[in-house]
Amino acid sequence: MTDYLIKALAYDGQIRAYAAETTETVGEAQRRHYTWPTASAALGRTLTAGAMMGAMLKGDEKITIKVEGGGPIGAIIVDADAHGDVRGYVTNPQTHFDLNEQGKLDVRRAVGTNGTLTVVKDLGLRENFSGQVPIVSGELGEDFTYYFATSEQVPSAVGVGVLVNPDNTILASGGFIIQLMPGTDEEIVTALEKRISDTPPISSLIRQGLKPEEILESLLGKDNVNVLETIPVRFECTCSKERFASAMISLGKEELRDMIEEDGQAEAVCHFCREKYHYTRQDLETLLQQAKG
C-alpha cells in the first residue's frame, strides 16, 4: 500500500475536493518520534491536513502549520509542499489518555482548546502569507474547518482521522477537505450538508478500506466526482548534515571553539525526523575556519 491524495472537482466545478490516504506516512512519523496513541492521532490528523493543504499550492511553494492549543501535548508543527512531501513533530510525543466518552482517542484533551492554529505559506514572495485562528475544538478537523472559513473565507468541511493498533503502530489514517466555490447552488449545499452529516466518521471509512476516490464518492455521490490529479504522499524531511553545518557556522567562532574545547565533537538532532548527525573535532575545526566573528 502506498499513500496518495487526489484533487477533484464536483458538481461541474462548484465544489473543490481533496482526499488522502496517509497510513504509511503517519506510521513513519510514529516510528521516528515513538508517539503514543493519543499523540499519534493528533500528529497524524495534522500531517494529513497538511498534506492536503500542501496540494493546494504550486511549484516550490510550502506551508507550515502550528497547532498550539495549550494542552499537555504541546505544540504540533507540520511542514508540507505541493508535491506530497510532509514532515512533522509534536513537542511531547509520549502523551496518551484513556478513551473519551465516545470511545475514541481523546485528542481534544491532548491538544487543548485554549490557543491558536497558525498557517504560514511560503509562496516565494518577499513576505509569507500568515493566517491565525483560535482553537475552537481541539479535535483538529473542526479547527481546520474554522481556519478555512475565517482566514481564507472559503466555506469548507474537513475530516481527518487516525486509528492506532494496540502495539502503537498505525492501523489507518486519512482525511478529506471539501470546499464550496463562490456561487455554489443552495440545493447542492443542502444536499452536501446532509451527505456529510449522514456519513460515518472518516476513521470508520478508512477502517472499511475505502480509498481516497471512494471517500469522495461516498461524500459527493459517485457520478459527481471528477478526479483532476493524483499525488503520492510520504514523510520526507529536508534536513542534512550540510544544513546543520551551515547553522553551526552561523553561531560564530566563539561558540564553535567552545564545542571543540569542551566536547571535541558535536551531535545535531532534527526535530522533524529525529535523524542524528555527528561532527568530529576535525569537522568542527573546518567549520571554525568558515565562521565569522
Protein backbone atom coordinates (compact mmCIF):
# COMPACT_ATOMS: atom_id res chain seq x y z
CA MET A 1 0.00 0.00 0.00
CA THR A 2 1.33 3.43 -0.95
CA ASP A 3 -0.10 6.68 0.38
CA TYR A 4 -1.55 9.21 -2.02
CA LEU A 5 -4.04 12.04 -2.27
CA ILE A 6 -6.39 13.17 -5.00
CA LYS A 7 -7.55 16.58 -6.15
CA ALA A 8 -11.03 16.69 -7.63
CA LEU A 9 -13.92 18.85 -8.70
CA ALA A 10 -17.58 18.01 -8.23
CA TYR A 11 -20.94 19.29 -9.43
CA ASP A 12 -19.47 20.88 -12.57
CA GLY A 13 -16.75 22.72 -10.69
CA GLN A 14 -18.94 24.15 -7.95
CA ILE A 15 -17.08 22.09 -5.34
CA ARG A 16 -13.35 21.53 -4.93
CA ALA A 17 -12.35 18.41 -3.04
CA TYR A 18 -9.31 16.60 -1.69
CA ALA A 19 -8.98 13.18 -0.09
CA ALA A 20 -5.90 11.41 1.22
CA GLU A 21 -4.72 8.06 2.49
CA THR A 22 -1.80 8.64 4.89
CA THR A 23 -1.40 5.39 6.83
CA GLU A 24 2.24 4.78 5.90
CA THR A 25 3.15 8.45 6.29
CA VAL A 26 1.72 8.69 9.79
CA GLY A 27 3.23 5.29 10.57
CA GLU A 28 6.65 6.65 9.64
CA ALA A 29 6.11 9.65 11.92
CA GLN A 30 5.03 7.33 14.74
CA ARG A 31 8.17 5.21 14.38
CA ARG A 32 10.51 8.18 14.21
CA HIS A 33 9.03 10.02 17.19
CA TYR A 34 7.87 7.00 19.29
CA THR A 35 4.47 8.65 19.71
CA TRP A 36 1.88 7.12 22.00
CA PRO A 37 -1.68 6.63 20.65
CA THR A 38 -3.28 9.99 21.50
CA ALA A 39 -0.20 11.88 20.32
CA SER A 40 -0.16 9.74 17.16
CA ALA A 41 -3.75 10.71 16.43
CA ALA A 42 -3.11 14.42 16.94
CA LEU A 43 0.09 14.46 14.88
CA GLY A 44 -1.42 12.18 12.23
CA ARG A 45 -4.51 14.35 11.79
CA THR A 46 -2.31 17.43 11.37
CA LEU A 47 0.03 15.66 8.93
CA THR A 48 -2.96 14.57 6.87
CA ALA A 49 -4.46 18.06 6.77
CA GLY A 50 -1.02 19.43 5.94
CA ALA A 51 -0.55 17.07 3.00
CA MET A 52 -3.89 18.12 1.51
CA MET A 53 -3.27 21.82 2.13
CA GLY A 54 0.14 21.43 0.51
CA ALA A 55 -1.62 20.07 -2.57
CA MET A 56 -3.39 23.42 -2.87
CA LEU A 57 -0.02 25.06 -3.56
CA LYS A 58 2.05 25.22 -6.75
CA GLY A 59 5.67 24.64 -7.73
CA ASP A 60 8.11 25.22 -4.87
CA GLU A 61 5.56 26.79 -2.53
CA LYS A 62 5.48 25.46 1.04
CA ILE A 63 3.21 25.56 4.05
CA THR A 64 3.88 25.37 7.79
CA ILE A 65 1.14 24.55 10.29
CA LYS A 66 1.49 25.18 14.02
CA VAL A 67 -1.13 23.96 16.48
CA GLU A 68 -0.75 25.42 19.97
CA GLY A 69 -3.84 24.55 21.98
CA GLY A 70 -2.38 24.82 25.47
CA GLY A 71 -2.79 21.08 26.14
CA PRO A 72 -0.23 18.60 27.52
CA ILE A 73 0.86 17.52 24.04
CA GLY A 74 2.46 20.93 23.48
CA ALA A 75 2.89 22.37 20.00
CA ILE A 76 2.34 20.35 16.82
CA ILE A 77 4.45 21.52 13.87
CA VAL A 78 3.93 20.28 10.29
CA ASP A 79 5.62 21.30 7.03
CA ALA A 80 4.26 20.31 3.62
CA ASP A 81 4.82 21.15 -0.04
CA ALA A 82 2.92 20.88 -3.31
CA HIS A 83 4.46 17.51 -4.18
CA GLY A 84 3.06 15.37 -1.35
CA ASP A 85 6.12 15.64 0.91
CA VAL A 86 5.19 16.24 4.54
CA ARG A 87 7.02 16.16 7.86
CA GLY A 88 6.09 16.99 11.42
CA TYR A 89 6.61 16.54 15.12
CA VAL A 90 4.85 17.08 18.42
CA THR A 91 6.52 18.58 21.49
CA ASN A 92 5.51 15.78 23.88
CA PRO A 93 5.21 12.59 21.80
CA GLN A 94 4.64 10.29 24.78
CA THR A 95 1.20 11.74 25.57
CA HIS A 96 -1.77 9.41 25.98
CA PHE A 97 -5.09 9.31 27.82
CA ASP A 98 -7.96 6.89 28.31
CA LEU A 99 -10.57 6.89 25.55
CA ASN A 100 -13.16 9.67 25.68
CA GLU A 101 -16.90 9.25 26.23
CA GLN A 102 -17.36 8.33 22.55
CA GLY A 103 -14.79 5.55 22.91
CA LYS A 104 -12.25 7.42 20.79
CA LEU A 105 -8.76 8.73 21.38
CA ASP A 106 -9.05 11.92 23.42
CA VAL A 107 -7.29 14.28 21.01
CA ARG A 108 -9.14 17.32 22.36
CA ARG A 109 -7.72 16.75 25.84
CA ALA A 110 -4.20 16.31 24.48
CA VAL A 111 -4.28 19.33 22.15
CA GLY A 112 -6.23 21.67 24.41
CA THR A 113 -8.76 24.35 23.47
CA ASN A 114 -7.00 27.47 24.69
CA GLY A 115 -4.68 28.55 21.92
CA THR A 116 -4.26 29.05 18.21
CA LEU A 117 -3.93 27.34 14.84
CA THR A 118 -1.42 29.16 12.65
CA VAL A 119 -0.80 28.58 8.94
CA VAL A 120 2.19 30.17 7.19
CA LYS A 121 2.50 29.90 3.41
CA ASP A 122 5.83 30.47 1.66
CA LEU A 123 4.69 31.47 -1.82
CA GLY A 124 8.10 32.64 -2.96
CA LEU A 125 7.19 36.28 -2.40
CA ARG A 126 9.01 38.85 -0.29
CA GLU A 127 6.70 38.19 2.65
CA ASN A 128 4.97 34.98 3.65
CA PHE A 129 1.19 34.74 3.96
CA SER A 130 0.17 34.05 7.55
CA GLY A 131 -3.25 33.24 8.96
CA GLN A 132 -4.14 32.51 12.58
CA VAL A 133 -7.38 31.48 14.25
CA PRO A 134 -8.29 30.40 17.77
CA ILE A 135 -8.63 26.70 18.51
CA VAL A 136 -12.37 26.04 18.58
CA SER A 137 -12.48 22.29 19.18
CA GLY A 138 -9.11 20.64 19.74
CA GLU A 139 -10.28 17.74 17.59
CA LEU A 140 -8.44 19.43 14.69
CA GLY A 141 -10.88 18.64 11.87
CA GLU A 142 -13.24 21.32 13.16
CA ASP A 143 -10.29 23.64 13.77
CA PHE A 144 -9.11 23.41 10.16
CA THR A 145 -12.71 23.90 9.01
CA TYR A 146 -12.84 27.10 11.07
CA TYR A 147 -9.47 28.23 9.70
CA PHE A 148 -10.62 27.96 6.08
CA ALA A 149 -13.91 29.75 6.77
CA THR A 150 -12.35 32.54 8.85
CA SER A 151 -8.85 33.12 7.50
CA GLU A 152 -9.33 32.22 3.83
CA GLN A 153 -13.09 32.90 3.55
CA VAL A 154 -13.68 29.52 1.92
CA PRO A 155 -16.61 27.51 3.31
CA SER A 156 -15.13 24.05 3.89
CA ALA A 157 -15.64 20.71 5.58
CA VAL A 158 -12.52 18.98 6.90
CA GLY A 159 -12.38 15.42 8.17
CA VAL A 160 -9.18 13.79 9.44
CA GLY A 161 -8.83 10.51 11.31
CA VAL A 162 -6.22 8.11 12.65
CA LEU A 163 -6.70 4.60 14.03
CA VAL A 164 -3.97 3.14 16.24
CA ASN A 165 -3.24 -0.55 16.86
CA PRO A 166 -2.77 -1.94 20.40
CA ASP A 167 1.01 -2.09 19.77
CA ASN A 168 1.03 1.69 18.99
CA THR A 169 1.51 1.18 15.23
CA ILE A 170 -0.86 2.96 12.85
CA LEU A 171 -3.81 0.92 11.58
CA ALA A 172 -5.25 3.52 9.23
CA SER A 173 -5.07 7.24 8.58
CA GLY A 174 -6.61 9.63 6.08
CA GLY A 175 -8.87 12.57 5.51
CA PHE A 176 -10.80 14.88 3.21
CA ILE A 177 -11.30 18.58 2.54
CA ILE A 178 -14.40 19.73 0.65
CA GLN A 179 -14.70 23.39 -0.34
CA LEU A 180 -17.53 25.41 -1.84
CA MET A 181 -16.68 27.68 -4.75
CA PRO A 182 -18.32 31.13 -4.94
CA GLY A 183 -21.90 30.94 -6.14
CA THR A 184 -22.48 27.25 -5.37
CA ASP A 185 -26.18 26.39 -5.79
CA GLU A 186 -28.08 26.29 -2.50
CA GLU A 187 -29.58 22.92 -3.45
CA ILE A 188 -26.08 21.46 -3.76
CA VAL A 189 -25.03 22.97 -0.42
CA THR A 190 -28.09 21.49 1.32
CA ALA A 191 -27.53 18.05 -0.25
CA LEU A 192 -23.84 18.14 0.66
CA GLU A 193 -24.53 19.08 4.27
CA LYS A 194 -26.92 16.12 4.58
CA ARG A 195 -24.43 13.71 2.99
CA ILE A 196 -21.65 14.80 5.32
CA SER A 197 -23.87 14.57 8.41
CA ASP A 198 -25.04 11.08 7.37
CA THR A 199 -21.52 9.83 6.58
CA PRO A 200 -19.70 7.82 9.28
CA PRO A 201 -16.55 9.35 10.80
CA ILE A 202 -13.60 9.38 8.41
CA SER A 203 -11.78 6.85 10.60
CA SER A 204 -14.65 4.40 10.02
CA LEU A 205 -14.38 4.84 6.26
CA ILE A 206 -10.64 4.23 6.43
CA ARG A 207 -11.17 1.14 8.59
CA GLN A 208 -13.51 -0.18 5.90
CA GLY A 209 -10.63 0.14 3.44
CA LEU A 210 -12.06 2.97 1.35
CA LYS A 211 -9.57 4.66 -0.97
CA PRO A 212 -9.48 8.46 -1.48
CA GLU A 213 -11.64 8.18 -4.62
CA GLU A 214 -14.24 6.12 -2.73
CA ILE A 215 -14.22 8.54 0.20
CA LEU A 216 -15.12 11.44 -2.11
CA GLU A 217 -17.70 9.33 -3.93
CA SER A 218 -19.38 8.50 -0.62
CA LEU A 219 -19.44 12.18 0.34
CA LEU A 220 -20.32 13.73 -3.02
CA GLY A 221 -22.00 10.97 -5.00
CA LYS A 222 -20.26 8.59 -7.38
CA ASP A 223 -21.28 10.33 -10.58
CA ASN A 224 -20.40 13.81 -9.32
CA VAL A 225 -16.63 13.44 -8.77
CA ASN A 226 -14.09 14.40 -11.44
CA VAL A 227 -10.56 13.48 -10.30
CA LEU A 228 -8.02 16.01 -11.61
CA GLU A 229 -4.74 14.76 -10.16
CA THR A 230 -3.21 12.02 -8.03
CA ILE A 231 -0.19 12.88 -5.86
CA PRO A 232 1.92 10.39 -3.87
CA VAL A 233 2.23 11.29 -0.18
CA ARG A 234 5.23 10.49 2.01
CA PHE A 235 7.04 11.55 5.17
CA GLU A 236 10.04 13.36 3.79
CA CYS A 237 12.47 15.58 5.69
CA THR A 238 14.71 18.23 4.15
CA CYS A 239 17.39 18.08 6.84
CA SER A 240 21.01 17.16 6.04
CA LYS A 241 24.44 17.23 7.64
CA GLU A 242 25.31 20.19 5.41
CA ARG A 243 22.27 22.19 6.54
CA PHE A 244 23.10 21.68 10.20
CA ALA A 245 26.73 22.58 9.45
CA SER A 246 25.60 25.89 7.94
CA ALA A 247 23.54 26.59 11.07
CA MET A 248 26.54 25.81 13.27
CA ILE A 249 28.76 28.15 11.22
CA SER A 250 26.23 30.93 11.80
CA LEU A 251 26.72 30.53 15.58
CA GLY A 252 30.15 32.15 15.21
CA LYS A 253 33.72 31.28 16.06
CA GLU A 254 33.39 31.58 19.86
CA GLU A 255 30.56 29.04 20.06
CA LEU A 256 32.42 26.61 17.80
CA ARG A 257 35.62 26.99 19.85
CA ASP A 258 33.63 26.12 22.98
CA MET A 259 32.33 22.95 21.28
CA ILE A 260 35.86 21.92 20.30
CA GLU A 261 37.41 22.66 23.71
CA GLU A 262 34.61 21.26 25.88
CA ASP A 263 33.48 18.18 23.96
CA GLY A 264 35.77 17.77 20.97
CA GLN A 265 32.71 16.75 18.94
CA ALA A 266 29.05 17.63 18.37
CA GLU A 267 25.77 15.95 17.54
CA ALA A 268 22.73 17.56 15.94
CA VAL A 269 19.26 16.00 16.05
CA CYS A 270 16.49 17.06 13.66
CA HIS A 271 13.20 17.95 15.38
CA PHE A 272 11.19 16.79 12.39
CA CYS A 273 12.63 13.34 11.71
CA ARG A 274 14.93 12.54 14.69
CA GLU A 275 17.85 11.92 12.33
CA LYS A 276 21.20 12.39 14.09
CA TYR A 277 24.31 13.98 12.57
CA HIS A 278 27.73 13.58 14.20
CA TYR A 279 30.56 16.09 13.81
CA THR A 280 34.13 15.13 14.75
CA ARG A 281 36.75 17.53 16.07
CA GLN A 282 38.12 17.79 12.54
CA ASP A 283 34.63 18.63 11.22
CA LEU A 284 34.24 21.38 13.83
CA GLU A 285 37.67 22.82 13.08
CA THR A 286 36.73 23.00 9.39
CA LEU A 287 33.52 24.83 10.31
CA LEU A 288 35.51 27.17 12.58
CA GLN A 289 37.62 28.24 9.61
CA GLN A 290 34.45 29.17 7.70
CA ALA A 291 32.78 31.05 10.59
CA LYS A 292 32.80 34.80 11.12
CA GLY A 293 33.10 36.82 14.31
